[in-house]
Amino acid sequence: MGGSASSALLLLADGRLPAGGHAHSGGLEEAVAAGRVTGIADLAAYLAGRLTTTGRVDAALAAAAWWGRALEVDAEAVARCPSPAWRRAGRAQGRALLRAGQRMWPASALADLAGACPDGLMWPVALGAVAAAASLGPHDAALVGAQSSVSGAAWAATRLLGLDPFDVARCQADLGPAVDAEVEAAVRWAARGCDIRRLPAASAPLADIGAQHHVTWEVRLFAS
C-alpha cells in the first residue's frame, strides 16, 4: 500500500480544488491576531505543531476511512474535534470535497455517503472515501491529510503576514521528513481491522479556544 504518484493524487492534493480548502487558514488568522505568530520562525513552529496534532489525527482518520466504515470513523473524528466552530468548518469542507469527488470519480459509495450524511462528513473522513473512489491507497489519503494540515496554514501566512513565499515554501520543505513519518505512522495505526477508537487523538487546546474566538469576528479573511 505504498504511495501512488498518479495524477489523481496530485489533483486531490491541489489547494485549488473546488473543495473549500483555500478559504481556511488552519487557525493561523486568529494566532496572527493574538500575536503568537509574527514571522517566519513563528510560522515554522506553528506548522510543526499543526502537523503533530491536526495533521497526525487527520492522516490517521483519512487512512482509516479509506478501508470503509466511514460513518463510524466520522463519529471518531467528531470526538477528536472539541471546537464547535472547527466541527462546522470540517463538515463544510468534507461536504465540498465529497461533492467534488463525486464529479471527478463517480462511485456509488460516495453517493451513498452523501445521502447518509447530508450535513457533510468531517473532512479527513471524506478524504479517505474520495481517495478510495479515485483508486488511490490509504498511504495517499494519509499523505494528503498530513500535508494539508501544513500547506493550508502556510500559504495563508503569505496573505496574513506578507511573508516571502520562498521562505514559506522552505518551511514546508523542511517539514517534509516529519510529514513522511506521520504518514507512515498513520497507515500503521489505521490498518485493516484496526480498532478505530484507538486512532490518535492529539489535541491543541489553545487552537480550539482560538477557533471559538475567531468565529465571532465580524470581519475576517478566512472561515477558520
N, C-alpha and C. Protein backbone atom coordinates (compact mmCIF):
# COMPACT_ATOMS: atom_id res chain seq x y z
N MET A 1 0.84 -1.20 0.00
CA MET A 1 0.00 0.00 0.00
C MET A 1 0.87 1.25 0.00
N GLY A 2 1.86 1.28 -0.84
CA GLY A 2 2.73 2.44 -0.90
C GLY A 2 2.07 3.61 -1.60
N GLY A 3 2.81 4.71 -1.73
CA GLY A 3 2.27 5.89 -2.36
C GLY A 3 2.03 5.68 -3.84
N SER A 4 1.12 6.45 -4.39
CA SER A 4 0.79 6.36 -5.81
C SER A 4 1.06 7.71 -6.44
N ALA A 5 2.10 7.78 -7.30
CA ALA A 5 2.46 9.05 -7.93
C ALA A 5 1.58 9.28 -9.14
N SER A 6 0.28 9.33 -8.93
CA SER A 6 -0.66 9.46 -10.04
C SER A 6 -1.22 10.86 -10.11
N SER A 7 -1.84 11.15 -11.25
CA SER A 7 -2.46 12.46 -11.42
C SER A 7 -3.61 12.64 -10.44
N ALA A 8 -4.28 11.54 -10.06
CA ALA A 8 -5.38 11.65 -9.10
C ALA A 8 -4.89 12.14 -7.75
N LEU A 9 -3.73 11.67 -7.33
CA LEU A 9 -3.16 12.12 -6.05
C LEU A 9 -2.83 13.61 -6.11
N LEU A 10 -2.21 14.02 -7.20
CA LEU A 10 -1.85 15.44 -7.33
C LEU A 10 -3.10 16.31 -7.36
N LEU A 11 -4.14 15.84 -8.02
CA LEU A 11 -5.38 16.60 -8.09
C LEU A 11 -6.02 16.72 -6.72
N LEU A 12 -6.05 15.63 -5.99
CA LEU A 12 -6.67 15.63 -4.66
C LEU A 12 -5.91 16.53 -3.69
N ALA A 13 -4.60 16.65 -3.89
CA ALA A 13 -3.78 17.47 -3.01
C ALA A 13 -3.73 18.94 -3.43
N ASP A 14 -4.28 19.27 -4.58
CA ASP A 14 -4.22 20.63 -5.11
C ASP A 14 -5.12 21.57 -4.30
N GLY A 15 -4.54 22.60 -3.73
CA GLY A 15 -5.31 23.55 -2.93
C GLY A 15 -6.34 24.32 -3.73
N ARG A 16 -6.24 24.27 -5.07
CA ARG A 16 -7.21 24.97 -5.91
C ARG A 16 -8.42 24.10 -6.24
N LEU A 17 -8.44 22.88 -5.78
CA LEU A 17 -9.59 22.01 -5.98
C LEU A 17 -10.83 22.67 -5.36
N PRO A 18 -11.97 22.65 -6.05
CA PRO A 18 -13.17 23.32 -5.51
C PRO A 18 -13.76 22.56 -4.33
N ALA A 19 -12.97 22.50 -3.26
CA ALA A 19 -13.41 21.81 -2.04
C ALA A 19 -13.31 22.72 -0.83
N GLY A 20 -13.05 24.01 -1.04
CA GLY A 20 -13.10 24.98 0.04
C GLY A 20 -11.86 25.16 0.86
N GLY A 21 -10.81 24.38 0.61
CA GLY A 21 -9.62 24.47 1.45
C GLY A 21 -8.96 25.82 1.45
N HIS A 22 -9.03 26.53 0.33
CA HIS A 22 -8.37 27.83 0.22
C HIS A 22 -9.00 28.88 1.15
N ALA A 23 -10.19 28.61 1.63
CA ALA A 23 -10.89 29.58 2.48
C ALA A 23 -10.58 29.41 3.95
N HIS A 24 -9.67 28.49 4.29
CA HIS A 24 -9.38 28.19 5.69
C HIS A 24 -7.88 28.37 5.97
N SER A 25 -7.57 28.92 7.13
CA SER A 25 -6.18 29.19 7.49
C SER A 25 -5.64 28.22 8.53
N GLY A 26 -6.43 27.23 8.92
CA GLY A 26 -5.97 26.31 9.94
C GLY A 26 -5.70 26.98 11.28
N GLY A 27 -6.50 27.99 11.61
CA GLY A 27 -6.34 28.69 12.87
C GLY A 27 -5.29 29.78 12.86
N LEU A 28 -4.59 29.93 11.73
CA LEU A 28 -3.49 30.90 11.71
C LEU A 28 -3.97 32.34 11.82
N GLU A 29 -5.11 32.65 11.24
CA GLU A 29 -5.59 34.04 11.30
C GLU A 29 -5.75 34.50 12.74
N GLU A 30 -6.33 33.66 13.57
CA GLU A 30 -6.50 34.03 14.98
C GLU A 30 -5.16 34.10 15.69
N ALA A 31 -4.25 33.17 15.37
CA ALA A 31 -2.93 33.16 16.00
C ALA A 31 -2.13 34.40 15.65
N VAL A 32 -2.28 34.87 14.42
CA VAL A 32 -1.60 36.10 13.99
C VAL A 32 -2.17 37.30 14.75
N ALA A 33 -3.50 37.37 14.83
CA ALA A 33 -4.14 38.49 15.52
C ALA A 33 -3.77 38.51 17.00
N ALA A 34 -3.57 37.35 17.58
CA ALA A 34 -3.23 37.26 19.01
C ALA A 34 -1.75 37.49 19.26
N GLY A 35 -0.97 37.62 18.20
CA GLY A 35 0.46 37.88 18.34
C GLY A 35 1.30 36.64 18.58
N ARG A 36 0.73 35.46 18.40
CA ARG A 36 1.51 34.24 18.61
C ARG A 36 2.36 33.87 17.40
N VAL A 37 1.96 34.36 16.24
CA VAL A 37 2.74 34.14 15.01
C VAL A 37 2.98 35.51 14.37
N THR A 38 4.25 35.90 14.32
CA THR A 38 4.58 37.23 13.80
C THR A 38 5.58 37.20 12.65
N GLY A 39 6.22 36.07 12.42
CA GLY A 39 7.23 36.00 11.37
C GLY A 39 7.50 34.56 10.97
N ILE A 40 8.52 34.37 10.16
CA ILE A 40 8.78 33.06 9.58
C ILE A 40 9.17 32.02 10.63
N ALA A 41 9.92 32.42 11.67
CA ALA A 41 10.31 31.47 12.72
C ALA A 41 9.08 30.99 13.48
N ASP A 42 8.18 31.92 13.82
CA ASP A 42 6.94 31.54 14.49
C ASP A 42 6.10 30.62 13.60
N LEU A 43 6.06 30.95 12.31
CA LEU A 43 5.28 30.13 11.39
C LEU A 43 5.81 28.70 11.35
N ALA A 44 7.13 28.55 11.31
CA ALA A 44 7.72 27.21 11.28
C ALA A 44 7.31 26.41 12.50
N ALA A 45 7.32 27.05 13.67
CA ALA A 45 6.91 26.36 14.90
C ALA A 45 5.42 26.03 14.86
N TYR A 46 4.63 26.95 14.34
CA TYR A 46 3.19 26.74 14.26
C TYR A 46 2.87 25.55 13.35
N LEU A 47 3.53 25.49 12.20
CA LEU A 47 3.29 24.39 11.27
C LEU A 47 3.71 23.05 11.86
N ALA A 48 4.82 23.04 12.57
CA ALA A 48 5.26 21.80 13.23
C ALA A 48 4.22 21.34 14.25
N GLY A 49 3.66 22.29 14.98
CA GLY A 49 2.61 21.95 15.94
C GLY A 49 1.36 21.45 15.27
N ARG A 50 0.97 22.08 14.17
CA ARG A 50 -0.19 21.63 13.40
C ARG A 50 0.00 20.19 12.93
N LEU A 51 1.19 19.89 12.44
CA LEU A 51 1.45 18.56 11.90
C LEU A 51 1.30 17.48 12.96
N THR A 52 1.81 17.74 14.16
CA THR A 52 1.80 16.70 15.20
C THR A 52 0.50 16.65 15.99
N THR A 53 -0.44 17.50 15.65
CA THR A 53 -1.76 17.45 16.29
C THR A 53 -2.81 17.19 15.21
N THR A 54 -3.25 18.23 14.54
CA THR A 54 -4.26 18.08 13.49
C THR A 54 -3.79 17.16 12.38
N GLY A 55 -2.56 17.33 11.92
CA GLY A 55 -2.06 16.51 10.83
C GLY A 55 -2.01 15.03 11.20
N ARG A 56 -1.55 14.73 12.39
CA ARG A 56 -1.48 13.34 12.85
C ARG A 56 -2.86 12.70 12.88
N VAL A 57 -3.83 13.43 13.43
CA VAL A 57 -5.18 12.90 13.56
C VAL A 57 -5.84 12.77 12.18
N ASP A 58 -5.73 13.81 11.36
CA ASP A 58 -6.37 13.78 10.04
C ASP A 58 -5.79 12.68 9.16
N ALA A 59 -4.49 12.49 9.22
CA ALA A 59 -3.86 11.44 8.40
C ALA A 59 -4.39 10.07 8.79
N ALA A 60 -4.47 9.80 10.09
CA ALA A 60 -4.95 8.50 10.55
C ALA A 60 -6.42 8.30 10.23
N LEU A 61 -7.23 9.34 10.42
CA LEU A 61 -8.66 9.23 10.11
C LEU A 61 -8.88 8.99 8.62
N ALA A 62 -8.12 9.69 7.78
CA ALA A 62 -8.26 9.52 6.34
C ALA A 62 -7.89 8.10 5.92
N ALA A 63 -6.80 7.59 6.47
CA ALA A 63 -6.39 6.22 6.14
C ALA A 63 -7.42 5.20 6.63
N ALA A 64 -7.98 5.44 7.81
CA ALA A 64 -9.00 4.53 8.35
C ALA A 64 -10.26 4.55 7.50
N ALA A 65 -10.67 5.75 7.06
CA ALA A 65 -11.88 5.87 6.24
C ALA A 65 -11.69 5.21 4.88
N TRP A 66 -10.44 5.15 4.41
CA TRP A 66 -10.18 4.50 3.12
C TRP A 66 -10.63 3.05 3.16
N TRP A 67 -10.51 2.40 4.31
CA TRP A 67 -10.88 0.99 4.43
C TRP A 67 -12.38 0.79 4.52
N GLY A 68 -13.17 1.86 4.66
CA GLY A 68 -14.61 1.75 4.81
C GLY A 68 -15.04 2.19 6.21
N ARG A 69 -16.28 1.83 6.60
CA ARG A 69 -16.81 2.20 7.92
C ARG A 69 -16.74 3.72 8.12
N ALA A 70 -17.02 4.46 7.04
CA ALA A 70 -16.83 5.91 7.09
C ALA A 70 -17.67 6.58 8.17
N LEU A 71 -18.90 6.11 8.36
CA LEU A 71 -19.74 6.76 9.37
C LEU A 71 -19.21 6.52 10.78
N GLU A 72 -18.65 5.35 11.03
CA GLU A 72 -18.03 5.09 12.32
C GLU A 72 -16.78 5.94 12.52
N VAL A 73 -16.00 6.04 11.45
CA VAL A 73 -14.79 6.87 11.53
C VAL A 73 -15.19 8.33 11.73
N ASP A 74 -16.29 8.74 11.11
CA ASP A 74 -16.76 10.12 11.25
C ASP A 74 -17.09 10.43 12.71
N ALA A 75 -17.71 9.48 13.40
CA ALA A 75 -18.02 9.68 14.82
C ALA A 75 -16.73 9.87 15.62
N GLU A 76 -15.69 9.11 15.27
CA GLU A 76 -14.40 9.27 15.94
C GLU A 76 -13.78 10.63 15.62
N ALA A 77 -13.97 11.10 14.39
CA ALA A 77 -13.45 12.42 14.01
C ALA A 77 -14.11 13.53 14.82
N VAL A 78 -15.41 13.43 15.00
CA VAL A 78 -16.15 14.42 15.79
C VAL A 78 -15.66 14.40 17.24
N ALA A 79 -15.43 13.20 17.78
CA ALA A 79 -14.97 13.08 19.17
C ALA A 79 -13.61 13.71 19.37
N ARG A 80 -12.83 13.83 18.31
CA ARG A 80 -11.48 14.41 18.39
C ARG A 80 -11.46 15.89 18.03
N CYS A 81 -12.63 16.50 17.87
CA CYS A 81 -12.71 17.91 17.48
C CYS A 81 -13.64 18.63 18.46
N PRO A 82 -13.13 19.07 19.60
CA PRO A 82 -13.99 19.67 20.63
C PRO A 82 -14.56 21.04 20.28
N SER A 83 -13.96 21.73 19.34
CA SER A 83 -14.43 23.08 18.99
C SER A 83 -15.63 23.01 18.04
N PRO A 84 -16.80 23.53 18.44
CA PRO A 84 -17.95 23.54 17.52
C PRO A 84 -17.65 24.29 16.22
N ALA A 85 -16.87 25.35 16.32
CA ALA A 85 -16.54 26.12 15.11
C ALA A 85 -15.75 25.27 14.13
N TRP A 86 -14.79 24.52 14.64
CA TRP A 86 -13.99 23.67 13.75
C TRP A 86 -14.77 22.46 13.27
N ARG A 87 -15.72 21.98 14.06
CA ARG A 87 -16.57 20.89 13.57
C ARG A 87 -17.40 21.37 12.39
N ARG A 88 -17.95 22.58 12.49
CA ARG A 88 -18.73 23.11 11.37
C ARG A 88 -17.84 23.30 10.14
N ALA A 89 -16.65 23.83 10.36
CA ALA A 89 -15.72 24.03 9.24
C ALA A 89 -15.33 22.69 8.63
N GLY A 90 -15.08 21.69 9.48
CA GLY A 90 -14.69 20.37 8.99
C GLY A 90 -15.79 19.72 8.16
N ARG A 91 -17.04 19.87 8.59
CA ARG A 91 -18.15 19.29 7.84
C ARG A 91 -18.37 20.06 6.53
N ALA A 92 -18.21 21.36 6.56
CA ALA A 92 -18.38 22.14 5.33
C ALA A 92 -17.34 21.73 4.29
N GLN A 93 -16.09 21.57 4.72
CA GLN A 93 -15.05 21.16 3.80
C GLN A 93 -15.25 19.72 3.33
N GLY A 94 -15.70 18.86 4.24
CA GLY A 94 -15.96 17.47 3.87
C GLY A 94 -17.09 17.37 2.86
N ARG A 95 -18.13 18.17 3.05
CA ARG A 95 -19.25 18.16 2.12
C ARG A 95 -18.81 18.62 0.74
N ALA A 96 -17.99 19.67 0.70
CA ALA A 96 -17.50 20.17 -0.58
C ALA A 96 -16.57 19.17 -1.26
N LEU A 97 -15.71 18.52 -0.47
CA LEU A 97 -14.79 17.54 -1.05
C LEU A 97 -15.55 16.34 -1.60
N LEU A 98 -16.56 15.89 -0.87
CA LEU A 98 -17.34 14.75 -1.34
C LEU A 98 -18.07 15.10 -2.63
N ARG A 99 -18.56 16.32 -2.71
CA ARG A 99 -19.23 16.76 -3.94
C ARG A 99 -18.26 16.79 -5.11
N ALA A 100 -17.06 17.33 -4.87
CA ALA A 100 -16.05 17.36 -5.93
C ALA A 100 -15.64 15.94 -6.32
N GLY A 101 -15.49 15.08 -5.32
CA GLY A 101 -15.11 13.70 -5.60
C GLY A 101 -16.13 12.97 -6.44
N GLN A 102 -17.42 13.23 -6.18
CA GLN A 102 -18.47 12.58 -6.96
C GLN A 102 -18.42 13.00 -8.42
N ARG A 103 -18.05 14.24 -8.67
CA ARG A 103 -17.96 14.72 -10.05
C ARG A 103 -16.73 14.16 -10.76
N MET A 104 -15.62 14.04 -10.02
CA MET A 104 -14.38 13.58 -10.64
C MET A 104 -14.32 12.07 -10.79
N TRP A 105 -14.76 11.35 -9.76
CA TRP A 105 -14.68 9.89 -9.76
C TRP A 105 -16.02 9.32 -9.30
N PRO A 106 -17.03 9.35 -10.16
CA PRO A 106 -18.36 8.88 -9.76
C PRO A 106 -18.30 7.46 -9.21
N ALA A 107 -18.88 7.30 -8.04
CA ALA A 107 -18.90 5.99 -7.39
C ALA A 107 -20.13 5.92 -6.50
N SER A 108 -20.78 4.78 -6.51
CA SER A 108 -21.99 4.63 -5.69
C SER A 108 -21.69 4.82 -4.21
N ALA A 109 -20.48 4.45 -3.79
CA ALA A 109 -20.13 4.59 -2.38
C ALA A 109 -20.14 6.05 -1.94
N LEU A 110 -19.67 6.94 -2.80
CA LEU A 110 -19.67 8.37 -2.47
C LEU A 110 -21.09 8.91 -2.43
N ALA A 111 -21.92 8.50 -3.39
CA ALA A 111 -23.31 8.95 -3.40
C ALA A 111 -24.04 8.46 -2.15
N ASP A 112 -23.76 7.22 -1.75
CA ASP A 112 -24.40 6.67 -0.54
C ASP A 112 -23.98 7.46 0.70
N LEU A 113 -22.71 7.83 0.78
CA LEU A 113 -22.23 8.60 1.94
C LEU A 113 -22.85 9.99 1.96
N ALA A 114 -22.95 10.62 0.78
CA ALA A 114 -23.56 11.95 0.72
C ALA A 114 -25.01 11.89 1.18
N GLY A 115 -25.72 10.82 0.83
CA GLY A 115 -27.10 10.68 1.25
C GLY A 115 -27.24 10.36 2.72
N ALA A 116 -26.28 9.59 3.24
CA ALA A 116 -26.34 9.19 4.65
C ALA A 116 -25.94 10.31 5.59
N CYS A 117 -25.16 11.27 5.10
CA CYS A 117 -24.66 12.35 5.95
C CYS A 117 -24.82 13.69 5.21
N PRO A 118 -26.05 14.19 5.07
CA PRO A 118 -26.28 15.41 4.28
C PRO A 118 -25.58 16.65 4.82
N ASP A 119 -25.28 16.67 6.13
CA ASP A 119 -24.56 17.81 6.70
C ASP A 119 -23.08 17.78 6.33
N GLY A 120 -22.63 16.66 5.80
CA GLY A 120 -21.23 16.53 5.41
C GLY A 120 -20.45 15.68 6.38
N LEU A 121 -19.60 14.80 5.83
CA LEU A 121 -18.64 14.08 6.65
C LEU A 121 -17.56 15.04 7.10
N MET A 122 -16.91 14.75 8.20
CA MET A 122 -15.73 15.52 8.57
C MET A 122 -14.68 15.37 7.46
N TRP A 123 -13.91 16.44 7.23
CA TRP A 123 -13.03 16.48 6.06
C TRP A 123 -12.10 15.28 5.92
N PRO A 124 -11.38 14.84 6.94
CA PRO A 124 -10.47 13.71 6.73
C PRO A 124 -11.20 12.43 6.37
N VAL A 125 -12.43 12.28 6.84
CA VAL A 125 -13.21 11.09 6.52
C VAL A 125 -13.63 11.13 5.05
N ALA A 126 -14.10 12.28 4.60
CA ALA A 126 -14.43 12.45 3.19
C ALA A 126 -13.19 12.22 2.32
N LEU A 127 -12.04 12.68 2.81
CA LEU A 127 -10.79 12.50 2.07
C LEU A 127 -10.50 11.02 1.86
N GLY A 128 -10.62 10.20 2.90
CA GLY A 128 -10.37 8.78 2.77
C GLY A 128 -11.32 8.13 1.78
N ALA A 129 -12.59 8.50 1.84
CA ALA A 129 -13.59 7.92 0.94
C ALA A 129 -13.33 8.31 -0.51
N VAL A 130 -12.99 9.57 -0.72
CA VAL A 130 -12.72 10.04 -2.09
C VAL A 130 -11.44 9.41 -2.63
N ALA A 131 -10.43 9.28 -1.79
CA ALA A 131 -9.20 8.65 -2.23
C ALA A 131 -9.45 7.22 -2.69
N ALA A 132 -10.29 6.49 -1.97
CA ALA A 132 -10.63 5.12 -2.37
C ALA A 132 -11.35 5.12 -3.71
N ALA A 133 -12.28 6.05 -3.90
CA ALA A 133 -13.01 6.13 -5.17
C ALA A 133 -12.09 6.48 -6.33
N ALA A 134 -11.02 7.19 -6.04
CA ALA A 134 -10.06 7.59 -7.07
C ALA A 134 -9.00 6.51 -7.32
N SER A 135 -9.17 5.34 -6.72
CA SER A 135 -8.23 4.22 -6.85
C SER A 135 -6.86 4.54 -6.28
N LEU A 136 -6.83 5.41 -5.29
CA LEU A 136 -5.61 5.67 -4.55
C LEU A 136 -5.55 4.72 -3.36
N GLY A 137 -4.47 4.76 -2.59
CA GLY A 137 -4.32 3.88 -1.45
C GLY A 137 -4.44 4.62 -0.13
N PRO A 138 -4.45 3.90 1.00
CA PRO A 138 -4.53 4.55 2.30
C PRO A 138 -3.32 5.44 2.58
N HIS A 139 -2.17 5.08 2.04
CA HIS A 139 -0.98 5.92 2.19
C HIS A 139 -1.21 7.27 1.52
N ASP A 140 -1.84 7.26 0.35
CA ASP A 140 -2.12 8.51 -0.36
C ASP A 140 -3.09 9.38 0.42
N ALA A 141 -4.13 8.76 0.96
CA ALA A 141 -5.11 9.51 1.76
C ALA A 141 -4.43 10.14 2.97
N ALA A 142 -3.58 9.38 3.65
CA ALA A 142 -2.87 9.91 4.81
C ALA A 142 -1.92 11.02 4.42
N LEU A 143 -1.27 10.88 3.27
CA LEU A 143 -0.33 11.91 2.82
C LEU A 143 -1.03 13.23 2.57
N VAL A 144 -2.16 13.20 1.90
CA VAL A 144 -2.91 14.44 1.66
C VAL A 144 -3.39 15.03 2.98
N GLY A 145 -3.84 14.17 3.90
CA GLY A 145 -4.30 14.66 5.19
C GLY A 145 -3.21 15.35 5.98
N ALA A 146 -2.04 14.74 6.03
CA ALA A 146 -0.93 15.32 6.78
C ALA A 146 -0.40 16.59 6.12
N GLN A 147 -0.20 16.54 4.81
CA GLN A 147 0.37 17.70 4.12
C GLN A 147 -0.58 18.88 4.13
N SER A 148 -1.88 18.62 4.02
CA SER A 148 -2.85 19.72 4.01
C SER A 148 -2.88 20.46 5.35
N SER A 149 -2.58 19.75 6.43
CA SER A 149 -2.56 20.42 7.74
C SER A 149 -1.47 21.47 7.80
N VAL A 150 -0.45 21.31 6.98
CA VAL A 150 0.67 22.25 6.93
C VAL A 150 0.47 23.29 5.83
N SER A 151 0.12 22.83 4.64
CA SER A 151 0.11 23.73 3.48
C SER A 151 -0.96 24.81 3.56
N GLY A 152 -2.13 24.46 4.09
CA GLY A 152 -3.19 25.47 4.17
C GLY A 152 -2.78 26.66 5.03
N ALA A 153 -2.26 26.38 6.22
CA ALA A 153 -1.82 27.46 7.10
C ALA A 153 -0.61 28.17 6.54
N ALA A 154 0.28 27.42 5.89
CA ALA A 154 1.49 28.04 5.34
C ALA A 154 1.16 29.10 4.31
N TRP A 155 0.31 28.75 3.36
CA TRP A 155 0.01 29.73 2.31
C TRP A 155 -0.89 30.84 2.80
N ALA A 156 -1.69 30.58 3.84
CA ALA A 156 -2.46 31.67 4.45
C ALA A 156 -1.53 32.72 5.03
N ALA A 157 -0.35 32.30 5.48
CA ALA A 157 0.61 33.23 6.08
C ALA A 157 1.10 34.27 5.10
N THR A 158 1.14 33.92 3.82
CA THR A 158 1.60 34.92 2.84
C THR A 158 0.61 36.07 2.74
N ARG A 159 -0.66 35.80 2.96
CA ARG A 159 -1.68 36.85 2.92
C ARG A 159 -1.77 37.58 4.26
N LEU A 160 -1.67 36.84 5.34
CA LEU A 160 -1.87 37.44 6.66
C LEU A 160 -0.67 38.23 7.15
N LEU A 161 0.52 37.79 6.78
CA LEU A 161 1.75 38.42 7.28
C LEU A 161 2.61 39.01 6.18
N GLY A 162 2.25 38.79 4.94
CA GLY A 162 3.06 39.29 3.84
C GLY A 162 4.44 38.66 3.79
N LEU A 163 4.55 37.40 4.20
CA LEU A 163 5.84 36.73 4.20
C LEU A 163 6.31 36.41 2.79
N ASP A 164 7.61 36.29 2.63
CA ASP A 164 8.20 35.91 1.35
C ASP A 164 7.73 34.49 1.01
N PRO A 165 7.06 34.29 -0.12
CA PRO A 165 6.58 32.95 -0.47
C PRO A 165 7.70 31.91 -0.55
N PHE A 166 8.91 32.33 -0.91
CA PHE A 166 10.02 31.39 -0.99
C PHE A 166 10.41 30.90 0.41
N ASP A 167 10.34 31.80 1.39
CA ASP A 167 10.61 31.39 2.77
C ASP A 167 9.53 30.43 3.28
N VAL A 168 8.30 30.71 2.90
CA VAL A 168 7.19 29.85 3.32
C VAL A 168 7.33 28.46 2.69
N ALA A 169 7.72 28.43 1.42
CA ALA A 169 7.95 27.15 0.75
C ALA A 169 9.07 26.37 1.44
N ARG A 170 10.12 27.09 1.85
CA ARG A 170 11.22 26.43 2.53
C ARG A 170 10.75 25.81 3.85
N CYS A 171 9.89 26.52 4.57
CA CYS A 171 9.33 25.98 5.82
C CYS A 171 8.65 24.64 5.57
N GLN A 172 7.88 24.58 4.50
CA GLN A 172 7.17 23.35 4.19
C GLN A 172 8.14 22.24 3.78
N ALA A 173 9.14 22.60 2.99
CA ALA A 173 10.12 21.60 2.57
C ALA A 173 10.87 21.03 3.77
N ASP A 174 11.21 21.89 4.72
CA ASP A 174 11.92 21.44 5.92
C ASP A 174 11.10 20.43 6.71
N LEU A 175 9.77 20.53 6.63
CA LEU A 175 8.90 19.63 7.37
C LEU A 175 8.66 18.32 6.61
N GLY A 176 9.20 18.20 5.41
CA GLY A 176 8.95 17.02 4.59
C GLY A 176 9.21 15.70 5.30
N PRO A 177 10.39 15.50 5.90
CA PRO A 177 10.64 14.23 6.59
C PRO A 177 9.65 13.97 7.73
N ALA A 178 9.26 15.01 8.45
CA ALA A 178 8.30 14.84 9.53
C ALA A 178 6.92 14.46 8.99
N VAL A 179 6.54 15.07 7.86
CA VAL A 179 5.27 14.69 7.21
C VAL A 179 5.30 13.21 6.83
N ASP A 180 6.40 12.79 6.20
CA ASP A 180 6.51 11.38 5.79
C ASP A 180 6.40 10.44 6.99
N ALA A 181 7.04 10.81 8.10
CA ALA A 181 7.00 9.97 9.29
C ALA A 181 5.57 9.87 9.84
N GLU A 182 4.85 10.98 9.84
CA GLU A 182 3.46 10.97 10.33
C GLU A 182 2.59 10.09 9.43
N VAL A 183 2.84 10.15 8.14
CA VAL A 183 2.05 9.35 7.19
C VAL A 183 2.28 7.86 7.43
N GLU A 184 3.52 7.46 7.57
CA GLU A 184 3.82 6.05 7.80
C GLU A 184 3.17 5.56 9.10
N ALA A 185 3.23 6.38 10.13
CA ALA A 185 2.60 6.01 11.40
C ALA A 185 1.09 5.92 11.25
N ALA A 186 0.50 6.85 10.51
CA ALA A 186 -0.95 6.85 10.31
C ALA A 186 -1.42 5.59 9.62
N VAL A 187 -0.68 5.15 8.61
CA VAL A 187 -1.06 3.93 7.88
C VAL A 187 -0.98 2.71 8.80
N ARG A 188 0.01 2.68 9.67
CA ARG A 188 0.10 1.57 10.63
C ARG A 188 -1.07 1.60 11.61
N TRP A 189 -1.39 2.78 12.12
CA TRP A 189 -2.50 2.89 13.08
C TRP A 189 -3.82 2.48 12.45
N ALA A 190 -3.99 2.81 11.18
CA ALA A 190 -5.29 2.64 10.51
C ALA A 190 -5.34 1.41 9.62
N ALA A 191 -4.56 0.40 9.91
CA ALA A 191 -4.54 -0.82 9.11
C ALA A 191 -5.90 -1.51 9.14
N ARG A 192 -6.13 -2.37 8.14
CA ARG A 192 -7.39 -3.11 8.08
C ARG A 192 -7.66 -3.82 9.41
N GLY A 193 -8.89 -3.67 9.88
CA GLY A 193 -9.29 -4.35 11.10
C GLY A 193 -8.87 -3.66 12.39
N CYS A 194 -8.31 -2.45 12.28
CA CYS A 194 -7.87 -1.76 13.49
C CYS A 194 -9.07 -1.35 14.34
N ASP A 195 -8.83 -1.13 15.61
CA ASP A 195 -9.85 -0.58 16.50
C ASP A 195 -9.81 0.94 16.32
N ILE A 196 -10.80 1.48 15.60
CA ILE A 196 -10.74 2.90 15.26
C ILE A 196 -10.83 3.79 16.49
N ARG A 197 -11.29 3.26 17.61
CA ARG A 197 -11.33 4.06 18.83
C ARG A 197 -9.93 4.37 19.33
N ARG A 198 -8.94 3.59 18.87
CA ARG A 198 -7.56 3.78 19.32
C ARG A 198 -6.74 4.62 18.35
N LEU A 199 -7.37 5.23 17.37
CA LEU A 199 -6.64 6.13 16.48
C LEU A 199 -6.13 7.34 17.27
N PRO A 200 -5.13 8.02 16.78
CA PRO A 200 -4.55 9.15 17.52
C PRO A 200 -5.60 10.20 17.89
N ALA A 201 -5.41 10.82 19.02
CA ALA A 201 -6.33 11.86 19.49
C ALA A 201 -5.53 13.06 20.01
N ALA A 202 -4.45 13.40 19.30
CA ALA A 202 -3.64 14.55 19.70
C ALA A 202 -4.47 15.82 19.63
N SER A 203 -4.26 16.72 20.59
CA SER A 203 -5.09 17.92 20.66
C SER A 203 -4.26 19.18 20.82
N ALA A 204 -4.89 20.31 20.51
CA ALA A 204 -4.26 21.62 20.66
C ALA A 204 -5.28 22.56 21.30
N PRO A 205 -5.43 22.52 22.61
CA PRO A 205 -6.49 23.29 23.28
C PRO A 205 -6.48 24.78 22.96
N LEU A 206 -5.30 25.38 22.86
CA LEU A 206 -5.26 26.82 22.56
C LEU A 206 -5.83 27.10 21.18
N ALA A 207 -5.58 26.22 20.24
CA ALA A 207 -6.14 26.39 18.90
C ALA A 207 -7.66 26.23 18.92
N ASP A 208 -8.16 25.30 19.72
CA ASP A 208 -9.60 25.12 19.83
C ASP A 208 -10.26 26.38 20.42
N ILE A 209 -9.65 26.94 21.44
CA ILE A 209 -10.17 28.17 22.04
C ILE A 209 -10.11 29.31 21.03
N GLY A 210 -9.00 29.39 20.31
CA GLY A 210 -8.85 30.42 19.30
C GLY A 210 -9.90 30.32 18.21
N ALA A 211 -10.26 29.10 17.82
CA ALA A 211 -11.28 28.91 16.79
C ALA A 211 -12.63 29.45 17.24
N GLN A 212 -12.95 29.26 18.52
CA GLN A 212 -14.22 29.78 19.04
C GLN A 212 -14.22 31.30 19.08
N HIS A 213 -13.05 31.88 19.33
CA HIS A 213 -12.94 33.33 19.32
C HIS A 213 -13.02 33.85 17.89
N HIS A 214 -12.32 33.21 16.98
CA HIS A 214 -12.24 33.66 15.59
C HIS A 214 -13.61 33.71 14.92
N VAL A 215 -14.45 32.74 15.21
CA VAL A 215 -15.74 32.65 14.53
C VAL A 215 -16.68 33.79 14.92
N THR A 216 -16.37 34.50 15.99
CA THR A 216 -17.21 35.63 16.42
C THR A 216 -16.84 36.93 15.72
N TRP A 217 -15.72 36.96 15.02
CA TRP A 217 -15.29 38.19 14.36
C TRP A 217 -16.28 38.59 13.26
N GLU A 218 -16.56 39.88 13.17
CA GLU A 218 -17.42 40.36 12.11
C GLU A 218 -16.70 40.42 10.77
N VAL A 219 -15.40 40.68 10.81
CA VAL A 219 -14.60 40.75 9.59
C VAL A 219 -13.40 39.82 9.72
N ARG A 220 -13.24 38.93 8.77
CA ARG A 220 -12.09 38.03 8.75
C ARG A 220 -11.84 37.59 7.32
N LEU A 221 -10.58 37.24 7.05
CA LEU A 221 -10.21 36.81 5.71
C LEU A 221 -10.55 35.35 5.47
N PHE A 222 -10.50 34.55 6.52
CA PHE A 222 -10.68 33.10 6.39
C PHE A 222 -11.84 32.62 7.23
N ALA A 223 -12.45 31.52 6.80
CA ALA A 223 -13.58 30.95 7.52
C ALA A 223 -13.15 30.30 8.82
N SER A 224 -11.89 29.86 8.89
CA SER A 224 -11.39 29.25 10.13
C SER A 224 -9.89 29.45 10.21
